[in-house]
Structure formats: C-alpha cells, structure tokens
Amino acid sequence: MSDFWEQSWQRDKGLDYISFARPYYCLACPEIELFRRHGIRTVCDAGCGWGAWALALASNGFAVTALDVSQTAVEITGHVLERYGLALAGQRTASVLDTGWPDGAFDGVVCFSVLDHMTVPDGQRALRELIRITRPGGMLLLALDRPEEDDLAREHDLLPDGSIQYANGMIFHPYDAPSAERLLAGLRIIHRGTGPRGENVFVVEK
C-alpha cells in the first residue's frame, strides 16, 4: 500500500494545502486541551497526510514529528508548517505498522483517519505499535471514519474481515461507534468525541 499512497500524494501535491490548512492554525479543541493539561509536549503525527494536525499541534506549542508512509506527504506537511512560520521537530517516512522508533519515544501520538485505511488485523497491529512508541502516562489521539451510504457505491471487493478494497487498491474499513470501541477494548479511554467530518474521536491514556 505504500506505493498507492505515494502515488496518490504525488498526484495531488499541487493542491492548495495552504488554504486547506487555515482552520487548523491555532485550532482550539477538547483533544488539544487534554494534551496540554496532561503535560504532553512531544507528539508524533502518525499518518500525517498534508499536515492538518501537525499544524494544529505545532501552532499550539507542541513539538511535532511527522510520520507517513509517503515521503511526498511528509514533504507537504513540512511546507505547510513553513508557510505558517513553524517547523517540524522531526520527520520520518515509515509505516505506522513499523515506525522504527524506540519504546516511549513520544509524550503523545495523533493518528487521524489512518487505521480505517487498513484491514482490521493491520489496524490492530498499528494500534499496538503506536501505543508502544507512546511513553507511560502519555496519550494517543485517534480518529476513525464512520460508515457512509456511498462507501459501497464505487467498484470494490469485500475482504474477509469486512474491509472494502476499491478498484484503485485503496482499503477502507469504516468504524461505527461499537466497532471502534471493540478495536480499543482493554485500553484506557479518557475522552470520546466527534471530528470535523463526523469521525469517531478517542483519546487513550497509556
């Protein structure tokens, strides 16, 4: 899937991400306030995409490291922050399944609408990896897209775990509230919310 995402970001890198980013600059939301109140300082934006949450966090004073399986996405994230007078604390091109960082490398991890682009077994593996690189007492901010009526409208195959694989190769496994809770079973959920596009949002404390 790394080739798919790199090709996707290469195709879209000319989009006006600076304009897209404006609502995220100095974003105020309960999840960022939770991070601040719990002393979170260093954050990995895991699956950073074009940098929405990297910008939201960096503009709120957090030291943000960008991680994505696509090198182009990481580069776009860096450019977005630069246009707002900010800089990444670090960056890496790697999968959320195997980040390469040591245990407890970050105070917090953000993973927004990433695990729902994996099969359930891979989503579970990625969740374990992201928890591993979060320090004890740290936090993971996680968002999972909800199912929508048009998810099945495009040409697709259904995989054994119920994930959707589209003709272009992209995998999508939407999570309603009960299935999201099952994915997070056994973890200490301290916050539940809804994202800007209706995502199921959770903050988990390690």
C-alpha atoms as a PDB file:
ATOM      1  CA  MET A   1       0.000   0.000   0.000  1.00  0.00           C
ATOM      2  CA  SER A   2       2.982   2.381   0.361  1.00  0.00           C
ATOM      3  CA  ASP A   3       3.196   2.744  -3.435  1.00  0.00           C
ATOM      4  CA  PHE A   4      -0.528   3.545  -3.593  1.00  0.00           C
ATOM      5  CA  TRP A   5      -0.258   6.353  -1.054  1.00  0.00           C
ATOM      6  CA  GLU A   6       2.926   7.784  -2.543  1.00  0.00           C
ATOM      7  CA  GLN A   7       1.328   7.870  -5.988  1.00  0.00           C
ATOM      8  CA  SER A   8      -1.796   9.478  -4.530  1.00  0.00           C
ATOM      9  CA  TRP A   9       0.164  12.252  -2.833  1.00  0.00           C
ATOM     10  CA  GLN A  10       2.327  12.762  -5.922  1.00  0.00           C
ATOM     11  CA  ARG A  11      -0.843  13.206  -7.971  1.00  0.00           C
ATOM     12  CA  ASP A  12      -2.362  15.685  -5.507  1.00  0.00           C
ATOM     13  CA  LYS A  13       0.713  17.628  -4.394  1.00  0.00           C
ATOM     14  CA  GLY A  14      -0.287  20.658  -6.468  1.00  0.00           C
ATOM     15  CA  LEU A  15      -3.455  21.241  -4.444  1.00  0.00           C
ATOM     16  CA  ASP A  16      -3.777  24.398  -2.351  1.00  0.00           C
ATOM     17  CA  TYR A  17      -2.969  22.872   1.011  1.00  0.00           C
ATOM     18  CA  ILE A  18      -2.152  26.285   2.479  1.00  0.00           C
ATOM     19  CA  SER A  19      -5.788  27.307   2.116  1.00  0.00           C
ATOM     20  CA  PHE A  20      -6.974  23.940   3.436  1.00  0.00           C
ATOM     21  CA  ALA A  21      -4.776  24.462   6.485  1.00  0.00           C
ATOM     22  CA  ARG A  22      -6.213  27.776   7.690  1.00  0.00           C
ATOM     23  CA  PRO A  23      -8.892  26.276  10.004  1.00  0.00           C
ATOM     24  CA  TYR A  24      -6.216  24.179  11.729  1.00  0.00           C
ATOM     25  CA  TYR A  25      -3.903  27.057  12.616  1.00  0.00           C
ATOM     26  CA  CYS A  26      -4.123  27.583  16.414  1.00  0.00           C
ATOM     27  CA  LEU A  27      -7.029  25.137  16.461  1.00  0.00           C
ATOM     28  CA  ALA A  28      -8.935  25.056  19.746  1.00  0.00           C
ATOM     29  CA  CYS A  29     -10.494  21.689  20.555  1.00  0.00           C
ATOM     30  CA  PRO A  30     -11.016  19.474  23.628  1.00  0.00           C
ATOM     31  CA  GLU A  31      -8.396  16.959  22.494  1.00  0.00           C
ATOM     32  CA  ILE A  32      -5.594  19.516  22.232  1.00  0.00           C
ATOM     33  CA  GLU A  33      -6.614  20.948  25.600  1.00  0.00           C
ATOM     34  CA  LEU A  34      -6.424  17.444  27.096  1.00  0.00           C
ATOM     35  CA  PHE A  35      -2.892  17.061  25.732  1.00  0.00           C
ATOM     36  CA  ARG A  36      -1.913  20.399  27.217  1.00  0.00           C
ATOM     37  CA  ARG A  37      -3.423  19.672  30.634  1.00  0.00           C
ATOM     38  CA  HIS A  38      -1.647  16.311  30.833  1.00  0.00           C
ATOM     39  CA  GLY A  39       1.797  17.720  30.082  1.00  0.00           C
ATOM     40  CA  ILE A  40       2.123  16.368  26.554  1.00  0.00           C
ATOM     41  CA  ARG A  41       4.961  18.147  24.748  1.00  0.00           C
ATOM     42  CA  THR A  42       6.406  15.890  22.048  1.00  0.00           C
ATOM     43  CA  VAL A  43       3.876  14.464  19.581  1.00  0.00           C
ATOM     44  CA  CYS A  44       4.131  12.110  16.607  1.00  0.00           C
ATOM     45  CA  ASP A  45       1.591  12.841  13.863  1.00  0.00           C
ATOM     46  CA  ALA A  46       1.307   9.269  12.590  1.00  0.00           C
ATOM     47  CA  GLY A  47      -0.021   9.231   9.048  1.00  0.00           C
ATOM     48  CA  CYS A  48       0.395  12.996   8.792  1.00  0.00           C
ATOM     49  CA  GLY A  49      -1.061  13.355   5.279  1.00  0.00           C
ATOM     50  CA  TRP A  50      -0.825  17.003   4.251  1.00  0.00           C
ATOM     51  CA  GLY A  51      -0.222  18.158   7.821  1.00  0.00           C
ATOM     52  CA  ALA A  52      -3.559  19.322   9.217  1.00  0.00           C
ATOM     53  CA  TRP A  53      -2.933  18.000  12.708  1.00  0.00           C
ATOM     54  CA  ALA A  54       0.789  18.713  12.584  1.00  0.00           C
ATOM     55  CA  LEU A  55      -0.131  22.371  12.015  1.00  0.00           C
ATOM     56  CA  ALA A  56      -2.846  22.322  14.685  1.00  0.00           C
ATOM     57  CA  LEU A  57      -0.419  20.957  17.256  1.00  0.00           C
ATOM     58  CA  ALA A  58       2.687  22.931  16.275  1.00  0.00           C
ATOM     59  CA  SER A  59       0.730  26.216  16.263  1.00  0.00           C
ATOM     60  CA  ASN A  60      -0.410  25.350  19.796  1.00  0.00           C
ATOM     61  CA  GLY A  61       3.159  24.975  21.011  1.00  0.00           C
ATOM     62  CA  PHE A  62       3.756  21.223  20.727  1.00  0.00           C
ATOM     63  CA  ALA A  63       6.940  19.746  19.238  1.00  0.00           C
ATOM     64  CA  VAL A  64       5.621  17.688  16.317  1.00  0.00           C
ATOM     65  CA  THR A  65       7.309  14.910  14.383  1.00  0.00           C
ATOM     66  CA  ALA A  66       5.650  13.935  11.107  1.00  0.00           C
ATOM     67  CA  LEU A  67       5.388  10.289  10.084  1.00  0.00           C
ATOM     68  CA  ASP A  68       3.858   8.982   6.876  1.00  0.00           C
ATOM     69  CA  VAL A  69       4.358   6.049   4.545  1.00  0.00           C
ATOM     70  CA  SER A  70       4.563   8.629   1.730  1.00  0.00           C
ATOM     71  CA  GLN A  71       7.675  10.801   1.523  1.00  0.00           C
ATOM     72  CA  THR A  72       5.685  13.324  -0.522  1.00  0.00           C
ATOM     73  CA  ALA A  73       3.111  13.669   2.272  1.00  0.00           C
ATOM     74  CA  VAL A  74       5.870  14.333   4.802  1.00  0.00           C
ATOM     75  CA  GLU A  75       7.341  16.982   2.499  1.00  0.00           C
ATOM     76  CA  ILE A  76       3.959  18.666   2.016  1.00  0.00           C
ATOM     77  CA  THR A  77       3.479  18.739   5.795  1.00  0.00           C
ATOM     78  CA  GLY A  78       6.839  20.447   6.220  1.00  0.00           C
ATOM     79  CA  HIS A  79       5.973  23.048   3.576  1.00  0.00           C
ATOM     80  CA  VAL A  80       2.579  23.771   5.160  1.00  0.00           C
ATOM     81  CA  LEU A  81       4.172  24.433   8.541  1.00  0.00           C
ATOM     82  CA  GLU A  82       6.877  26.600   6.968  1.00  0.00           C
ATOM     83  CA  ARG A  83       4.235  28.822   5.343  1.00  0.00           C
ATOM     84  CA  TYR A  84       2.815  29.443   8.814  1.00  0.00           C
ATOM     85  CA  GLY A  85       6.234  30.242  10.266  1.00  0.00           C
ATOM     86  CA  LEU A  86       6.573  26.897  12.028  1.00  0.00           C
ATOM     87  CA  ALA A  87       8.865  23.894  11.748  1.00  0.00           C
ATOM     88  CA  LEU A  88       8.668  20.186  12.414  1.00  0.00           C
ATOM     89  CA  ALA A  89      10.705  18.810  15.296  1.00  0.00           C
ATOM     90  CA  GLY A  90      11.412  15.750  13.160  1.00  0.00           C
ATOM     91  CA  GLN A  91      10.146  13.660  10.259  1.00  0.00           C
ATOM     92  CA  ARG A  92      10.275  10.086   9.035  1.00  0.00           C
ATOM     93  CA  THR A  93       8.965   8.101   6.094  1.00  0.00           C
ATOM     94  CA  ALA A  94       7.724   4.806   7.502  1.00  0.00           C
ATOM     95  CA  SER A  95       4.587   2.768   8.080  1.00  0.00           C
ATOM     96  CA  VAL A  96       2.514   3.023  11.239  1.00  0.00           C
ATOM     97  CA  LEU A  97       2.936  -0.756  11.372  1.00  0.00           C
ATOM     98  CA  ASP A  98       6.680  -0.354  11.979  1.00  0.00           C
ATOM     99  CA  THR A  99       7.705   3.186  12.866  1.00  0.00           C
ATOM    100  CA  GLY A 100      11.291   2.391  13.802  1.00  0.00           C
ATOM    101  CA  TRP A 101      11.229   4.478  16.972  1.00  0.00           C
ATOM    102  CA  PRO A 102      12.103   3.092  20.411  1.00  0.00           C
ATOM    103  CA  ASP A 103       9.569   2.381  23.127  1.00  0.00           C
ATOM    104  CA  GLY A 104       8.092   5.518  24.683  1.00  0.00           C
ATOM    105  CA  ALA A 105       9.670   7.889  22.156  1.00  0.00           C
ATOM    106  CA  PHE A 106       6.831  10.452  22.369  1.00  0.00           C
ATOM    107  CA  ASP A 107       4.609  12.004  25.009  1.00  0.00           C
ATOM    108  CA  GLY A 108       1.674  11.736  22.618  1.00  0.00           C
ATOM    109  CA  VAL A 109       0.683  10.301  19.258  1.00  0.00           C
ATOM    110  CA  VAL A 110      -2.004  11.535  16.865  1.00  0.00           C
ATOM    111  CA  CYS A 111      -3.431   9.106  14.301  1.00  0.00           C
ATOM    112  CA  PHE A 112      -6.319  10.714  12.437  1.00  0.00           C
ATOM    113  CA  SER A 113      -8.286   8.673   9.859  1.00  0.00           C
ATOM    114  CA  VAL A 114      -5.433   6.251   9.203  1.00  0.00           C
ATOM    115  CA  LEU A 115      -6.340   2.926  10.820  1.00  0.00           C
ATOM    116  CA  ASP A 116      -9.586   2.900   8.838  1.00  0.00           C
ATOM    117  CA  HIS A 117      -7.490   2.580   5.670  1.00  0.00           C
ATOM    118  CA  MET A 118      -6.209  -0.810   6.822  1.00  0.00           C
ATOM    119  CA  THR A 119      -7.675  -4.231   7.317  1.00  0.00           C
ATOM    120  CA  VAL A 120      -8.759  -4.873  10.888  1.00  0.00           C
ATOM    121  CA  PRO A 121      -5.732  -7.100  11.686  1.00  0.00           C
ATOM    122  CA  ASP A 122      -3.348  -4.432  10.367  1.00  0.00           C
ATOM    123  CA  GLY A 123      -5.273  -1.745  12.251  1.00  0.00           C
ATOM    124  CA  GLN A 124      -4.811  -3.732  15.447  1.00  0.00           C
ATOM    125  CA  ARG A 125      -1.075  -4.128  14.740  1.00  0.00           C
ATOM    126  CA  ALA A 126      -0.716  -0.418  14.025  1.00  0.00           C
ATOM    127  CA  LEU A 127      -2.534   0.478  17.232  1.00  0.00           C
ATOM    128  CA  ARG A 128      -0.123  -1.692  19.236  1.00  0.00           C
ATOM    129  CA  GLU A 129       2.836  -0.026  17.524  1.00  0.00           C
ATOM    130  CA  LEU A 130       1.557   3.488  18.223  1.00  0.00           C
ATOM    131  CA  ILE A 131       0.911   2.636  21.861  1.00  0.00           C
ATOM    132  CA  ARG A 132       4.427   1.197  22.065  1.00  0.00           C
ATOM    133  CA  ILE A 133       6.058   4.470  20.977  1.00  0.00           C
ATOM    134  CA  THR A 134       3.933   6.461  23.468  1.00  0.00           C
ATOM    135  CA  ARG A 135       5.556   6.905  26.873  1.00  0.00           C
ATOM    136  CA  PRO A 136       3.856   5.545  30.005  1.00  0.00           C
ATOM    137  CA  GLY A 137       1.287   8.115  31.068  1.00  0.00           C
ATOM    138  CA  GLY A 138       1.241   9.580  27.558  1.00  0.00           C
ATOM    139  CA  MET A 139      -1.733   9.883  25.241  1.00  0.00           C
ATOM    140  CA  LEU A 140      -2.937   8.677  21.872  1.00  0.00           C
ATOM    141  CA  LEU A 141      -5.462  10.772  19.915  1.00  0.00           C
ATOM    142  CA  LEU A 142      -7.222   8.502  17.462  1.00  0.00           C
ATOM    143  CA  ALA A 143      -9.940   9.161  14.866  1.00  0.00           C
ATOM    144  CA  LEU A 144     -11.833   6.511  12.902  1.00  0.00           C
ATOM    145  CA  ASP A 145     -14.110   7.331   9.979  1.00  0.00           C
ATOM    146  CA  ARG A 146     -17.745   6.289  10.280  1.00  0.00           C
ATOM    147  CA  PRO A 147     -19.512   4.263   7.567  1.00  0.00           C
ATOM    148  CA  GLU A 148     -21.384   6.318   4.992  1.00  0.00           C
ATOM    149  CA  GLU A 149     -24.017   5.342   2.444  1.00  0.00           C
ATOM    150  CA  ASP A 150     -21.771   5.899  -0.576  1.00  0.00           C
ATOM    151  CA  ASP A 151     -18.872   3.754   0.727  1.00  0.00           C
ATOM    152  CA  LEU A 152     -20.156   0.785  -1.280  1.00  0.00           C
ATOM    153  CA  ALA A 153     -21.234   2.780  -4.329  1.00  0.00           C
ATOM    154  CA  ARG A 154     -17.857   2.558  -6.102  1.00  0.00           C
ATOM    155  CA  GLU A 155     -16.451  -0.631  -7.594  1.00  0.00           C
ATOM    156  CA  HIS A 156     -14.956  -2.696  -4.792  1.00  0.00           C
ATOM    157  CA  ASP A 157     -14.257  -6.105  -3.309  1.00  0.00           C
ATOM    158  CA  LEU A 158     -15.111  -7.133   0.239  1.00  0.00           C
ATOM    159  CA  LEU A 159     -12.171  -8.668   2.099  1.00  0.00           C
ATOM    160  CA  PRO A 160     -12.623 -11.499   4.649  1.00  0.00           C
ATOM    161  CA  ASP A 161     -12.589  -9.088   7.620  1.00  0.00           C
ATOM    162  CA  GLY A 162     -15.273  -6.895   6.030  1.00  0.00           C
ATOM    163  CA  SER A 163     -12.865  -4.235   4.774  1.00  0.00           C
ATOM    164  CA  ILE A 164     -13.573  -2.619   1.418  1.00  0.00           C
ATOM    165  CA  GLN A 165     -10.895  -2.723  -1.266  1.00  0.00           C
ATOM    166  CA  TYR A 166     -11.567  -0.338  -4.134  1.00  0.00           C
ATOM    167  CA  ALA A 167     -10.504  -0.908  -7.721  1.00  0.00           C
ATOM    168  CA  ASN A 168      -7.595   1.516  -7.296  1.00  0.00           C
ATOM    169  CA  GLY A 169      -6.230  -0.616  -4.434  1.00  0.00           C
ATOM    170  CA  MET A 170      -7.241   1.597  -1.523  1.00  0.00           C
ATOM    171  CA  ILE A 171      -8.524  -0.237   1.538  1.00  0.00           C
ATOM    172  CA  PHE A 172     -11.233   1.289   3.694  1.00  0.00           C
ATOM    173  CA  HIS A 173     -12.707  -0.154   6.867  1.00  0.00           C
ATOM    174  CA  PRO A 174     -15.145   2.355   8.388  1.00  0.00           C
ATOM    175  CA  TYR A 175     -15.900   2.074  12.100  1.00  0.00           C
ATOM    176  CA  ASP A 176     -19.206   2.802  13.743  1.00  0.00           C
ATOM    177  CA  ALA A 177     -19.140   3.519  17.474  1.00  0.00           C
ATOM    178  CA  PRO A 178     -19.463  -0.133  18.641  1.00  0.00           C
ATOM    179  CA  SER A 179     -16.760  -1.453  16.298  1.00  0.00           C
ATOM    180  CA  ALA A 180     -14.454   1.412  17.279  1.00  0.00           C
ATOM    181  CA  GLU A 181     -14.949   0.513  20.934  1.00  0.00           C
ATOM    182  CA  ARG A 182     -14.099  -3.119  20.134  1.00  0.00           C
ATOM    183  CA  LEU A 183     -10.863  -2.055  18.441  1.00  0.00           C
ATOM    184  CA  LEU A 184      -9.900  -0.136  21.585  1.00  0.00           C
ATOM    185  CA  ALA A 185     -11.035  -2.816  24.044  1.00  0.00           C
ATOM    186  CA  GLY A 186      -8.740  -3.032  27.056  1.00  0.00           C
ATOM    187  CA  LEU A 187      -7.331   0.477  26.608  1.00  0.00           C
ATOM    188  CA  ARG A 188      -7.971   3.397  28.969  1.00  0.00           C
ATOM    189  CA  ILE A 189     -10.246   5.727  27.008  1.00  0.00           C
ATOM    190  CA  ILE A 190     -10.438   9.112  28.732  1.00  0.00           C
ATOM    191  CA  HIS A 191     -12.280  11.062  26.046  1.00  0.00           C
ATOM    192  CA  ARG A 192     -14.813  10.376  23.298  1.00  0.00           C
ATOM    193  CA  GLY A 193     -15.797  12.959  20.716  1.00  0.00           C
ATOM    194  CA  THR A 194     -16.639  13.666  17.099  1.00  0.00           C
ATOM    195  CA  GLY A 195     -14.260  15.020  14.472  1.00  0.00           C
ATOM    196  CA  PRO A 196     -14.944  17.744  11.899  1.00  0.00           C
ATOM    197  CA  ARG A 197     -16.204  15.189   9.351  1.00  0.00           C
ATOM    198  CA  GLY A 198     -18.122  13.092  11.837  1.00  0.00           C
ATOM    199  CA  GLU A 199     -15.238  10.800  12.759  1.00  0.00           C
ATOM    200  CA  ASN A 200     -15.278   8.814  15.988  1.00  0.00           C
ATOM    201  CA  VAL A 201     -12.581  10.502  18.084  1.00  0.00           C
ATOM    202  CA  PHE A 202     -10.920   8.984  21.155  1.00  0.00           C
ATOM    203  CA  VAL A 203      -8.129   9.937  23.491  1.00  0.00           C
ATOM    204  CA  VAL A 204      -6.458   6.964  25.140  1.00  0.00           C
ATOM    205  CA  GLU A 205      -4.086   7.259  28.081  1.00  0.00           C
ATOM    206  CA  LYS A 206      -1.273   4.703  28.219  1.00  0.00           C
END
